[in-house]
Amino acid sequence: MKISWINPEQLVEFELTQLKDESVDTEELKKRWGKIKAEALDINFETGNFLNELEKLKRENDNDAIKSFLFGLEKKYKPSDIKISSDILYDKILGGWNGRAAGCLLGKPVEKYSRAVIKKILTSNNNYPLENYITAKVIPENLLLKYPWNKHSGKESLRENIECMTEDDDLNYTMLNLSVLENIGKDFTTEDIANAWLNNLPVLSVFTAERVAYINLLENKSIREIPIFHNPYREWIGAMIRADVWGWVSPGNPVQAARLAFNDSSLSHTRNGIYGSMFLASAIALSFIYNSPEEILKEALNFIPEESKIFNA
């Protein structure tokens, strides 16, 4: 049985891409992998051995350096002394929640499709440019056969079928992280996040880096190994998806938002996977005291390392 995101052949393919991003010369490795796929008598055994070999080429995580960076931020920046009224807090947090739900619902039917495919679908029933939720009305049947709606509540998220915000991992993390704050407070640890996952999330309701981290938790890997071992998705966007709440509970305090995001994201991600979460959480915290999106994003760059790829993107 092959389970997406954790089947060994898929892990090798993505790991080779990730290693190249880490400046590892992968040309010979790709040739060897091609030979294994073509000639291996026991593909699972050979793939497992090759995966273990790739493990030795990975960079260690740099969590100690990130902790030092955060410590420096705490000395340099103080929370804003701008008074934020309860009405503004309510309005901005509600806006953040509604925006997150609305955006998720809007894109759910066509999740994973390219911009070109989405344009083709929308153009087929005169809904491009999009001004409302996606509808299936008068889309040619042959086009829907070629590009079916997302199997995870895609049909339920069409304009004519919407009754509520459907279940989605993007929102599950938001609610789960809120429960961590309610039960433990802002001093939660990465281990607390791990326990929250194990107690509340079925393994197949999480994806990419989170699914690998979940498996590593079940295999009793150390907290330092969990985000790295057989995890080629370690610098993907999963932790960014989980960042909203850390900004919402840190109005005007981007340093706190970055630290909360780090404690969460380091369970499943490394480097840019962590920096992305820190950046978004900081930006959301800053949105309570700045109104210009450009100003918010520019200021949020102060809360991730200057040498990171995300900073220089």
C-alpha atoms as a PDB file:
ATOM      1  CA  MET A   1       0.000   0.000   0.000  1.00  0.00           C
ATOM      2  CA  LYS A   2       1.372   3.404  -0.991  1.00  0.00           C
ATOM      3  CA  ILE A   3       0.469   6.348   1.221  1.00  0.00           C
ATOM      4  CA  SER A   4       1.043   9.745  -0.326  1.00  0.00           C
ATOM      5  CA  TRP A   5       3.817  11.956   1.051  1.00  0.00           C
ATOM      6  CA  ILE A   6       5.515   9.093   2.904  1.00  0.00           C
ATOM      7  CA  ASN A   7       6.018   6.387   0.281  1.00  0.00           C
ATOM      8  CA  PRO A   8       9.779   5.864  -0.144  1.00  0.00           C
ATOM      9  CA  GLU A   9       9.985   6.488  -3.891  1.00  0.00           C
ATOM     10  CA  GLN A  10       8.214   9.822  -3.507  1.00  0.00           C
ATOM     11  CA  LEU A  11      10.504  10.739  -0.617  1.00  0.00           C
ATOM     12  CA  VAL A  12      13.594  10.102  -2.742  1.00  0.00           C
ATOM     13  CA  GLU A  13      12.322  12.252  -5.610  1.00  0.00           C
ATOM     14  CA  PHE A  14      11.577  15.206  -3.348  1.00  0.00           C
ATOM     15  CA  GLU A  15      14.762  14.720  -1.313  1.00  0.00           C
ATOM     16  CA  LEU A  16      16.904  15.009  -4.421  1.00  0.00           C
ATOM     17  CA  THR A  17      15.208  18.321  -5.188  1.00  0.00           C
ATOM     18  CA  GLN A  18      15.663  19.535  -1.617  1.00  0.00           C
ATOM     19  CA  LEU A  19      19.331  18.560  -1.529  1.00  0.00           C
ATOM     20  CA  LYS A  20      19.919  20.485  -4.744  1.00  0.00           C
ATOM     21  CA  ASP A  21      18.346  23.521  -3.051  1.00  0.00           C
ATOM     22  CA  GLU A  22      20.862  22.983  -0.246  1.00  0.00           C
ATOM     23  CA  SER A  23      23.698  23.227  -2.812  1.00  0.00           C
ATOM     24  CA  VAL A  24      24.405  19.488  -2.942  1.00  0.00           C
ATOM     25  CA  ASP A  25      25.540  18.242  -6.372  1.00  0.00           C
ATOM     26  CA  THR A  26      22.807  15.723  -7.163  1.00  0.00           C
ATOM     27  CA  GLU A  27      23.632  14.769 -10.765  1.00  0.00           C
ATOM     28  CA  GLU A  28      25.302  11.444  -9.921  1.00  0.00           C
ATOM     29  CA  LEU A  29      22.673  10.733  -7.291  1.00  0.00           C
ATOM     30  CA  LYS A  30      19.919  11.201  -9.876  1.00  0.00           C
ATOM     31  CA  LYS A  31      21.673   8.779 -12.229  1.00  0.00           C
ATOM     32  CA  ARG A  32      21.960   6.192  -9.467  1.00  0.00           C
ATOM     33  CA  TRP A  33      18.317   6.662  -8.567  1.00  0.00           C
ATOM     34  CA  GLY A  34      17.311   6.157 -12.190  1.00  0.00           C
ATOM     35  CA  LYS A  35      19.305   2.931 -12.266  1.00  0.00           C
ATOM     36  CA  ILE A  36      17.701   1.702  -9.034  1.00  0.00           C
ATOM     37  CA  LYS A  37      14.218   2.317 -10.444  1.00  0.00           C
ATOM     38  CA  ALA A  38      15.081   0.518 -13.673  1.00  0.00           C
ATOM     39  CA  GLU A  39      17.014  -2.459 -12.321  1.00  0.00           C
ATOM     40  CA  ALA A  40      16.218  -3.098  -8.652  1.00  0.00           C
ATOM     41  CA  LEU A  41      14.880  -6.567  -7.897  1.00  0.00           C
ATOM     42  CA  ASP A  42      13.459  -5.335  -4.590  1.00  0.00           C
ATOM     43  CA  ILE A  43      12.568  -1.679  -5.142  1.00  0.00           C
ATOM     44  CA  ASN A  44      11.425  -1.093  -1.555  1.00  0.00           C
ATOM     45  CA  PHE A  45      14.656  -2.457  -0.081  1.00  0.00           C
ATOM     46  CA  GLU A  46      16.897  -0.554  -2.496  1.00  0.00           C
ATOM     47  CA  THR A  47      14.889   2.654  -2.073  1.00  0.00           C
ATOM     48  CA  GLY A  48      15.151   2.418   1.699  1.00  0.00           C
ATOM     49  CA  ASN A  49      18.911   2.012   1.498  1.00  0.00           C
ATOM     50  CA  PHE A  50      19.198   4.954  -0.887  1.00  0.00           C
ATOM     51  CA  LEU A  51      17.048   7.129   1.370  1.00  0.00           C
ATOM     52  CA  ASN A  52      19.303   6.340   4.311  1.00  0.00           C
ATOM     53  CA  GLU A  53      22.309   7.304   2.219  1.00  0.00           C
ATOM     54  CA  LEU A  54      20.697  10.647   1.355  1.00  0.00           C
ATOM     55  CA  GLU A  55      20.163  11.271   5.069  1.00  0.00           C
ATOM     56  CA  LYS A  56      23.925  11.635   5.490  1.00  0.00           C
ATOM     57  CA  LEU A  57      24.028  14.509   2.991  1.00  0.00           C
ATOM     58  CA  LYS A  58      21.478  16.703   4.750  1.00  0.00           C
ATOM     59  CA  ARG A  59      22.387  19.815   6.657  1.00  0.00           C
ATOM     60  CA  GLU A  60      21.647  19.696  10.368  1.00  0.00           C
ATOM     61  CA  ASN A  61      18.877  21.990  11.499  1.00  0.00           C
ATOM     62  CA  ASP A  62      19.949  25.400  12.756  1.00  0.00           C
ATOM     63  CA  ASN A  63      17.528  25.719  15.656  1.00  0.00           C
ATOM     64  CA  ASP A  64      20.249  26.841  18.064  1.00  0.00           C
ATOM     65  CA  ALA A  65      21.116  29.705  15.721  1.00  0.00           C
ATOM     66  CA  ILE A  66      17.432  30.645  15.422  1.00  0.00           C
ATOM     67  CA  LYS A  67      17.097  30.684  19.213  1.00  0.00           C
ATOM     68  CA  SER A  68      20.085  33.031  19.407  1.00  0.00           C
ATOM     69  CA  PHE A  69      18.519  35.203  16.706  1.00  0.00           C
ATOM     70  CA  LEU A  70      15.262  35.379  18.669  1.00  0.00           C
ATOM     71  CA  PHE A  71      17.146  36.243  21.850  1.00  0.00           C
ATOM     72  CA  GLY A  72      18.763  39.127  19.988  1.00  0.00           C
ATOM     73  CA  LEU A  73      15.366  40.322  18.766  1.00  0.00           C
ATOM     74  CA  GLU A  74      14.019  40.337  22.322  1.00  0.00           C
ATOM     75  CA  LYS A  75      16.856  42.607  23.402  1.00  0.00           C
ATOM     76  CA  LYS A  76      16.494  44.904  20.398  1.00  0.00           C
ATOM     77  CA  TYR A  77      12.711  45.261  20.052  1.00  0.00           C
ATOM     78  CA  LYS A  78      10.060  45.988  22.655  1.00  0.00           C
ATOM     79  CA  PRO A  79       6.312  45.458  22.203  1.00  0.00           C
ATOM     80  CA  SER A  80       4.533  48.467  20.733  1.00  0.00           C
ATOM     81  CA  ASP A  81       3.117  50.889  23.294  1.00  0.00           C
ATOM     82  CA  ILE A  82       0.333  51.867  20.899  1.00  0.00           C
ATOM     83  CA  LYS A  83      -2.999  51.345  22.629  1.00  0.00           C
ATOM     84  CA  ILE A  84      -5.255  49.048  20.636  1.00  0.00           C
ATOM     85  CA  SER A  85      -8.940  49.229  21.549  1.00  0.00           C
ATOM     86  CA  SER A  86     -10.956  46.085  22.118  1.00  0.00           C
ATOM     87  CA  ASP A  87     -13.129  47.005  19.125  1.00  0.00           C
ATOM     88  CA  ILE A  88     -10.110  47.147  16.809  1.00  0.00           C
ATOM     89  CA  LEU A  89      -8.745  43.886  18.230  1.00  0.00           C
ATOM     90  CA  TYR A  90     -12.080  42.194  17.659  1.00  0.00           C
ATOM     91  CA  ASP A  91     -12.459  43.587  14.151  1.00  0.00           C
ATOM     92  CA  LYS A  92      -8.955  42.640  13.007  1.00  0.00           C
ATOM     93  CA  ILE A  93      -8.973  39.139  14.484  1.00  0.00           C
ATOM     94  CA  LEU A  94     -12.450  38.463  13.072  1.00  0.00           C
ATOM     95  CA  GLY A  95     -11.274  39.812   9.724  1.00  0.00           C
ATOM     96  CA  GLY A  96      -8.271  37.508   9.836  1.00  0.00           C
ATOM     97  CA  TRP A  97     -10.422  34.484  10.635  1.00  0.00           C
ATOM     98  CA  ASN A  98     -13.086  35.284   8.034  1.00  0.00           C
ATOM     99  CA  GLY A  99     -10.453  36.040   5.421  1.00  0.00           C
ATOM    100  CA  ARG A 100      -8.690  32.766   6.098  1.00  0.00           C
ATOM    101  CA  ALA A 101     -11.930  30.793   5.851  1.00  0.00           C
ATOM    102  CA  ALA A 102     -13.179  32.644   2.768  1.00  0.00           C
ATOM    103  CA  GLY A 103      -9.892  32.277   0.921  1.00  0.00           C
ATOM    104  CA  CYS A 104      -9.685  28.589   1.751  1.00  0.00           C
ATOM    105  CA  LEU A 105     -13.262  27.990   0.608  1.00  0.00           C
ATOM    106  CA  LEU A 106     -12.672  29.933  -2.600  1.00  0.00           C
ATOM    107  CA  GLY A 107      -9.681  27.877  -3.686  1.00  0.00           C
ATOM    108  CA  LYS A 108     -10.729  24.474  -2.400  1.00  0.00           C
ATOM    109  CA  PRO A 109     -12.419  23.151  -5.583  1.00  0.00           C
ATOM    110  CA  VAL A 110      -9.290  23.748  -7.691  1.00  0.00           C
ATOM    111  CA  GLU A 111      -6.560  23.088  -5.134  1.00  0.00           C
ATOM    112  CA  LYS A 112      -3.313  21.780  -6.706  1.00  0.00           C
ATOM    113  CA  TYR A 113      -4.199  22.950 -10.226  1.00  0.00           C
ATOM    114  CA  SER A 114      -1.925  25.390 -12.019  1.00  0.00           C
ATOM    115  CA  ARG A 115      -2.933  28.970 -12.734  1.00  0.00           C
ATOM    116  CA  ALA A 116      -3.316  28.061 -16.416  1.00  0.00           C
ATOM    117  CA  VAL A 117      -5.708  25.181 -15.655  1.00  0.00           C
ATOM    118  CA  ILE A 118      -7.763  27.311 -13.262  1.00  0.00           C
ATOM    119  CA  LYS A 119      -8.063  30.016 -15.922  1.00  0.00           C
ATOM    120  CA  LYS A 120      -9.213  27.387 -18.439  1.00  0.00           C
ATOM    121  CA  ILE A 121     -11.917  26.145 -16.040  1.00  0.00           C
ATOM    122  CA  LEU A 122     -13.162  29.635 -15.173  1.00  0.00           C
ATOM    123  CA  THR A 123     -13.104  30.846 -18.767  1.00  0.00           C
ATOM    124  CA  SER A 124     -15.243  27.896 -19.863  1.00  0.00           C
ATOM    125  CA  ASN A 125     -18.308  29.300 -18.065  1.00  0.00           C
ATOM    126  CA  ASN A 126     -17.501  33.026 -18.283  1.00  0.00           C
ATOM    127  CA  ASN A 127     -16.328  33.328 -14.677  1.00  0.00           C
ATOM    128  CA  TYR A 128     -12.909  34.766 -15.467  1.00  0.00           C
ATOM    129  CA  PRO A 129     -11.812  37.035 -13.903  1.00  0.00           C
ATOM    130  CA  LEU A 130     -13.341  35.524 -10.781  1.00  0.00           C
ATOM    131  CA  GLU A 131     -15.773  37.744  -8.860  1.00  0.00           C
ATOM    132  CA  ASN A 132     -17.495  35.157  -6.672  1.00  0.00           C
ATOM    133  CA  TYR A 133     -17.030  31.603  -5.444  1.00  0.00           C
ATOM    134  CA  ILE A 134     -16.424  29.026  -8.156  1.00  0.00           C
ATOM    135  CA  THR A 135     -19.467  27.441  -9.782  1.00  0.00           C
ATOM    136  CA  ALA A 136     -19.783  24.272 -11.846  1.00  0.00           C
ATOM    137  CA  LYS A 137     -22.728  25.593 -13.844  1.00  0.00           C
ATOM    138  CA  VAL A 138     -22.360  25.196 -17.627  1.00  0.00           C
ATOM    139  CA  ILE A 139     -18.752  24.010 -17.435  1.00  0.00           C
ATOM    140  CA  PRO A 140     -18.355  21.448 -20.262  1.00  0.00           C
ATOM    141  CA  GLU A 141     -18.541  17.883 -18.978  1.00  0.00           C
ATOM    142  CA  ASN A 142     -15.382  16.840 -20.804  1.00  0.00           C
ATOM    143  CA  LEU A 143     -13.448  19.594 -19.025  1.00  0.00           C
ATOM    144  CA  LEU A 144     -14.664  18.411 -15.610  1.00  0.00           C
ATOM    145  CA  LEU A 145     -13.692  14.851 -16.472  1.00  0.00           C
ATOM    146  CA  LYS A 146     -10.201  16.055 -17.297  1.00  0.00           C
ATOM    147  CA  TYR A 147      -9.979  18.354 -14.277  1.00  0.00           C
ATOM    148  CA  PRO A 148     -12.224  16.978 -11.506  1.00  0.00           C
ATOM    149  CA  TRP A 149     -12.889  19.010  -8.399  1.00  0.00           C
ATOM    150  CA  ASN A 150     -10.632  18.482  -5.393  1.00  0.00           C
ATOM    151  CA  LYS A 151     -11.660  15.241  -3.677  1.00  0.00           C
ATOM    152  CA  HIS A 152     -11.384  16.907  -0.256  1.00  0.00           C
ATOM    153  CA  SER A 153     -14.710  18.791  -0.145  1.00  0.00           C
ATOM    154  CA  GLY A 154     -14.182  20.384  -3.550  1.00  0.00           C
ATOM    155  CA  LYS A 155     -17.807  19.890  -4.635  1.00  0.00           C
ATOM    156  CA  GLU A 156     -19.100  21.101  -1.272  1.00  0.00           C
ATOM    157  CA  SER A 157     -17.109  24.316  -1.778  1.00  0.00           C
ATOM    158  CA  LEU A 158     -18.781  25.246  -5.070  1.00  0.00           C
ATOM    159  CA  ARG A 159     -20.981  28.341  -4.959  1.00  0.00           C
ATOM    160  CA  GLU A 160     -24.215  26.410  -5.431  1.00  0.00           C
ATOM    161  CA  ASN A 161     -23.371  23.914  -2.659  1.00  0.00           C
ATOM    162  CA  ILE A 162     -21.904  26.084   0.105  1.00  0.00           C
ATOM    163  CA  GLU A 163     -23.608  25.608   3.463  1.00  0.00           C
ATOM    164  CA  CYS A 164     -20.671  26.295   5.758  1.00  0.00           C
ATOM    165  CA  MET A 165     -16.881  26.362   5.807  1.00  0.00           C
ATOM    166  CA  THR A 166     -15.907  22.759   5.162  1.00  0.00           C
ATOM    167  CA  GLU A 167     -13.240  20.936   7.162  1.00  0.00           C
ATOM    168  CA  ASP A 168      -9.703  21.730   6.002  1.00  0.00           C
ATOM    169  CA  ASP A 169      -6.246  21.209   7.460  1.00  0.00           C
ATOM    170  CA  ASP A 170      -5.506  24.919   6.984  1.00  0.00           C
ATOM    171  CA  LEU A 171      -8.198  25.735   9.543  1.00  0.00           C
ATOM    172  CA  ASN A 172      -7.654  22.664  11.711  1.00  0.00           C
ATOM    173  CA  TYR A 173      -4.228  23.967  12.731  1.00  0.00           C
ATOM    174  CA  THR A 174      -5.695  27.363  13.553  1.00  0.00           C
ATOM    175  CA  MET A 175      -8.174  25.804  15.968  1.00  0.00           C
ATOM    176  CA  LEU A 176      -5.636  23.340  17.359  1.00  0.00           C
ATOM    177  CA  ASN A 177      -3.079  26.065  18.064  1.00  0.00           C
ATOM    178  CA  LEU A 178      -5.768  28.119  19.772  1.00  0.00           C
ATOM    179  CA  SER A 179      -6.527  25.146  22.027  1.00  0.00           C
ATOM    180  CA  VAL A 180      -2.811  24.854  22.897  1.00  0.00           C
ATOM    181  CA  LEU A 181      -2.852  28.483  24.021  1.00  0.00           C
ATOM    182  CA  GLU A 182      -6.064  27.978  25.991  1.00  0.00           C
ATOM    183  CA  ASN A 183      -4.771  24.866  27.765  1.00  0.00           C
ATOM    184  CA  ILE A 184      -1.092  25.693  28.232  1.00  0.00           C
ATOM    185  CA  GLY A 185      -0.549  29.368  27.476  1.00  0.00           C
ATOM    186  CA  LYS A 186       2.163  31.160  25.544  1.00  0.00           C
ATOM    187  CA  ASP A 187       4.944  29.197  27.245  1.00  0.00           C
ATOM    188  CA  PHE A 188       4.062  26.047  25.312  1.00  0.00           C
ATOM    189  CA  THR A 189       6.936  23.922  24.003  1.00  0.00           C
ATOM    190  CA  THR A 190       7.457  22.069  20.752  1.00  0.00           C
ATOM    191  CA  GLU A 191       6.705  18.880  22.691  1.00  0.00           C
ATOM    192  CA  ASP A 192       3.325  20.368  23.646  1.00  0.00           C
ATOM    193  CA  ILE A 193       2.561  20.912  19.964  1.00  0.00           C
ATOM    194  CA  ALA A 194       3.547  17.288  19.289  1.00  0.00           C
ATOM    195  CA  ASN A 195       1.165  16.044  21.982  1.00  0.00           C
ATOM    196  CA  ALA A 196      -1.639  18.198  20.592  1.00  0.00           C
ATOM    197  CA  TRP A 197      -1.154  16.659  17.157  1.00  0.00           C
ATOM    198  CA  LEU A 198      -1.107  13.094  18.446  1.00  0.00           C
ATOM    199  CA  ASN A 199      -4.214  13.607  20.561  1.00  0.00           C
ATOM    200  CA  ASN A 200      -6.298  15.535  18.039  1.00  0.00           C
ATOM    201  CA  LEU A 201      -5.194  14.976  14.435  1.00  0.00           C
ATOM    202  CA  PRO A 202      -5.598  11.707  12.487  1.00  0.00           C
ATOM    203  CA  VAL A 203      -2.364  11.087  10.605  1.00  0.00           C
ATOM    204  CA  LEU A 204      -4.013  11.218   7.177  1.00  0.00           C
ATOM    205  CA  SER A 205      -5.488  14.647   7.944  1.00  0.00           C
ATOM    206  CA  VAL A 206      -1.982  16.135   7.824  1.00  0.00           C
ATOM    207  CA  PHE A 207       0.215  16.394   4.763  1.00  0.00           C
ATOM    208  CA  THR A 208       3.786  16.786   3.473  1.00  0.00           C
ATOM    209  CA  ALA A 209       6.201  17.774   6.270  1.00  0.00           C
ATOM    210  CA  GLU A 210       3.560  17.355   8.948  1.00  0.00           C
ATOM    211  CA  ARG A 211       2.787  13.774   7.893  1.00  0.00           C
ATOM    212  CA  VAL A 212       6.469  12.832   7.966  1.00  0.00           C
ATOM    213  CA  ALA A 213       6.902  14.493  11.362  1.00  0.00           C
ATOM    214  CA  TYR A 214       3.844  12.617  12.655  1.00  0.00           C
ATOM    215  CA  ILE A 215       5.340   9.277  11.549  1.00  0.00           C
ATOM    216  CA  ASN A 216       8.645  10.229  13.171  1.00  0.00           C
ATOM    217  CA  LEU A 217       6.790  10.999  16.401  1.00  0.00           C
ATOM    218  CA  LEU A 218       5.163   7.566  16.340  1.00  0.00           C
ATOM    219  CA  GLU A 219       8.585   6.016  15.772  1.00  0.00           C
ATOM    220  CA  ASN A 220       9.843   7.805  18.885  1.00  0.00           C
ATOM    221  CA  LYS A 221      12.455   9.914  17.119  1.00  0.00           C
ATOM    222  CA  SER A 222      14.091  12.665  19.147  1.00  0.00           C
ATOM    223  CA  ILE A 223      12.615  16.151  18.904  1.00  0.00           C
ATOM    224  CA  ARG A 224      15.709  17.177  16.939  1.00  0.00           C
ATOM    225  CA  GLU A 225      15.351  14.320  14.429  1.00  0.00           C
ATOM    226  CA  ILE A 226      11.601  14.641  13.897  1.00  0.00           C
ATOM    227  CA  PRO A 227      11.633  17.522  11.379  1.00  0.00           C
ATOM    228  CA  ILE A 228      14.578  16.108   9.423  1.00  0.00           C
ATOM    229  CA  PHE A 229      14.499  12.314   9.187  1.00  0.00           C
ATOM    230  CA  HIS A 230      13.121  11.247   5.781  1.00  0.00           C
ATOM    231  CA  ASN A 231      11.504  14.680   5.492  1.00  0.00           C
ATOM    232  CA  PRO A 232      12.183  16.277   2.109  1.00  0.00           C
ATOM    233  CA  TYR A 233       9.376  18.779   2.759  1.00  0.00           C
ATOM    234  CA  ARG A 234      11.228  20.399   5.668  1.00  0.00           C
ATOM    235  CA  GLU A 235      11.441  23.806   3.970  1.00  0.00           C
ATOM    236  CA  TRP A 236       7.968  23.753   2.399  1.00  0.00           C
ATOM    237  CA  ILE A 237       5.066  26.024   3.415  1.00  0.00           C
ATOM    238  CA  GLY A 238       3.283  23.781   5.935  1.00  0.00           C
ATOM    239  CA  ALA A 239       4.382  25.757   8.980  1.00  0.00           C
ATOM    240  CA  MET A 240       3.349  29.015   7.315  1.00  0.00           C
ATOM    241  CA  ILE A 241      -0.188  27.634   7.125  1.00  0.00           C
ATOM    242  CA  ARG A 242      -0.123  27.227  10.923  1.00  0.00           C
ATOM    243  CA  ALA A 243       1.138  30.742  11.741  1.00  0.00           C
ATOM    244  CA  ASP A 244      -1.990  32.897  11.961  1.00  0.00           C
ATOM    245  CA  VAL A 245      -2.902  32.414  15.611  1.00  0.00           C
ATOM    246  CA  TRP A 246       0.602  33.313  16.795  1.00  0.00           C
ATOM    247  CA  GLY A 247       0.161  36.738  15.207  1.00  0.00           C
ATOM    248  CA  TRP A 248      -3.409  37.201  16.399  1.00  0.00           C
ATOM    249  CA  VAL A 249      -2.428  36.715  20.042  1.00  0.00           C
ATOM    250  CA  SER A 250       0.583  39.041  19.700  1.00  0.00           C
ATOM    251  CA  PRO A 251      -0.915  42.376  18.570  1.00  0.00           C
ATOM    252  CA  GLY A 252       1.924  44.872  18.180  1.00  0.00           C
ATOM    253  CA  ASN A 253       4.448  42.309  19.446  1.00  0.00           C
ATOM    254  CA  PRO A 254       6.135  40.702  16.412  1.00  0.00           C
ATOM    255  CA  VAL A 255       8.988  39.256  18.479  1.00  0.00           C
ATOM    256  CA  GLN A 256       6.562  37.220  20.563  1.00  0.00           C
ATOM    257  CA  ALA A 257       4.756  36.137  17.391  1.00  0.00           C
ATOM    258  CA  ALA A 258       8.046  34.972  15.861  1.00  0.00           C
ATOM    259  CA  ARG A 259       8.976  33.008  18.970  1.00  0.00           C
ATOM    260  CA  LEU A 260       5.595  31.272  19.161  1.00  0.00           C
ATOM    261  CA  ALA A 261       5.858  30.436  15.467  1.00  0.00           C
ATOM    262  CA  PHE A 262       9.330  28.991  15.990  1.00  0.00           C
ATOM    263  CA  ASN A 263       8.188  26.772  18.874  1.00  0.00           C
ATOM    264  CA  ASP A 264       5.429  25.417  16.643  1.00  0.00           C
ATOM    265  CA  SER A 265       7.165  25.151  13.273  1.00  0.00           C
ATOM    266  CA  SER A 266      10.371  23.524  14.505  1.00  0.00           C
ATOM    267  CA  LEU A 267       8.408  20.307  15.086  1.00  0.00           C
ATOM    268  CA  SER A 268       8.133  19.689  11.356  1.00  0.00           C
ATOM    269  CA  HIS A 269      10.346  22.156   9.504  1.00  0.00           C
ATOM    270  CA  THR A 270      13.844  23.588   9.278  1.00  0.00           C
ATOM    271  CA  ARG A 271      15.394  26.832   8.057  1.00  0.00           C
ATOM    272  CA  ASN A 272      13.150  28.544   5.489  1.00  0.00           C
ATOM    273  CA  GLY A 273      10.211  26.402   6.552  1.00  0.00           C
ATOM    274  CA  ILE A 274      10.603  27.985   9.991  1.00  0.00           C
ATOM    275  CA  TYR A 275      11.515  31.472   8.764  1.00  0.00           C
ATOM    276  CA  GLY A 276       8.358  31.602   6.643  1.00  0.00           C
ATOM    277  CA  SER A 277       6.227  30.909   9.688  1.00  0.00           C
ATOM    278  CA  MET A 278       8.105  33.498  11.755  1.00  0.00           C
ATOM    279  CA  PHE A 279       7.729  36.070   8.975  1.00  0.00           C
ATOM    280  CA  LEU A 280       3.971  35.607   8.582  1.00  0.00           C
ATOM    281  CA  ALA A 281       3.301  35.544  12.324  1.00  0.00           C
ATOM    282  CA  SER A 282       5.317  38.756  12.737  1.00  0.00           C
ATOM    283  CA  ALA A 283       3.513  40.399   9.824  1.00  0.00           C
ATOM    284  CA  ILE A 284       0.135  39.554  11.349  1.00  0.00           C
ATOM    285  CA  ALA A 285       1.246  40.957  14.714  1.00  0.00           C
ATOM    286  CA  LEU A 286       2.348  44.153  12.963  1.00  0.00           C
ATOM    287  CA  SER A 287      -0.966  44.456  11.109  1.00  0.00           C
ATOM    288  CA  PHE A 288      -2.557  45.630  14.367  1.00  0.00           C
ATOM    289  CA  ILE A 289      -0.410  48.780  14.379  1.00  0.00           C
ATOM    290  CA  TYR A 290       0.272  49.344  10.653  1.00  0.00           C
ATOM    291  CA  ASN A 291      -2.306  49.717   7.891  1.00  0.00           C
ATOM    292  CA  SER A 292      -0.176  49.554   4.754  1.00  0.00           C
ATOM    293  CA  PRO A 293       0.426  45.975   3.518  1.00  0.00           C
ATOM    294  CA  GLU A 294       3.723  47.064   1.972  1.00  0.00           C
ATOM    295  CA  GLU A 295       4.869  48.584   5.247  1.00  0.00           C
ATOM    296  CA  ILE A 296       3.812  45.506   7.217  1.00  0.00           C
ATOM    297  CA  LEU A 297       5.706  43.097   4.964  1.00  0.00           C
ATOM    298  CA  LYS A 298       8.793  45.292   4.865  1.00  0.00           C
ATOM    299  CA  GLU A 299       8.841  45.648   8.651  1.00  0.00           C
ATOM    300  CA  ALA A 300       8.270  41.908   9.166  1.00  0.00           C
ATOM    301  CA  LEU A 301      11.567  41.186   7.411  1.00  0.00           C
ATOM    302  CA  ASN A 302      13.304  42.448  10.559  1.00  0.00           C
ATOM    303  CA  PHE A 303      12.150  39.302  12.344  1.00  0.00           C
ATOM    304  CA  ILE A 304      13.836  36.701  10.147  1.00  0.00           C
ATOM    305  CA  PRO A 305      17.574  36.304   9.430  1.00  0.00           C
ATOM    306  CA  GLU A 306      18.917  38.526   6.653  1.00  0.00           C
ATOM    307  CA  GLU A 307      20.882  35.640   5.154  1.00  0.00           C
ATOM    308  CA  SER A 308      17.785  33.461   4.690  1.00  0.00           C
ATOM    309  CA  LYS A 309      16.385  32.702   1.243  1.00  0.00           C
ATOM    310  CA  ILE A 310      12.981  34.031   2.253  1.00  0.00           C
ATOM    311  CA  PHE A 311      14.452  37.380   3.297  1.00  0.00           C
ATOM    312  CA  ASN A 312      16.171  37.672  -0.066  1.00  0.00           C
ATOM    313  CA  ALA A 313      13.320  36.314  -2.187  1.00  0.00           C
END
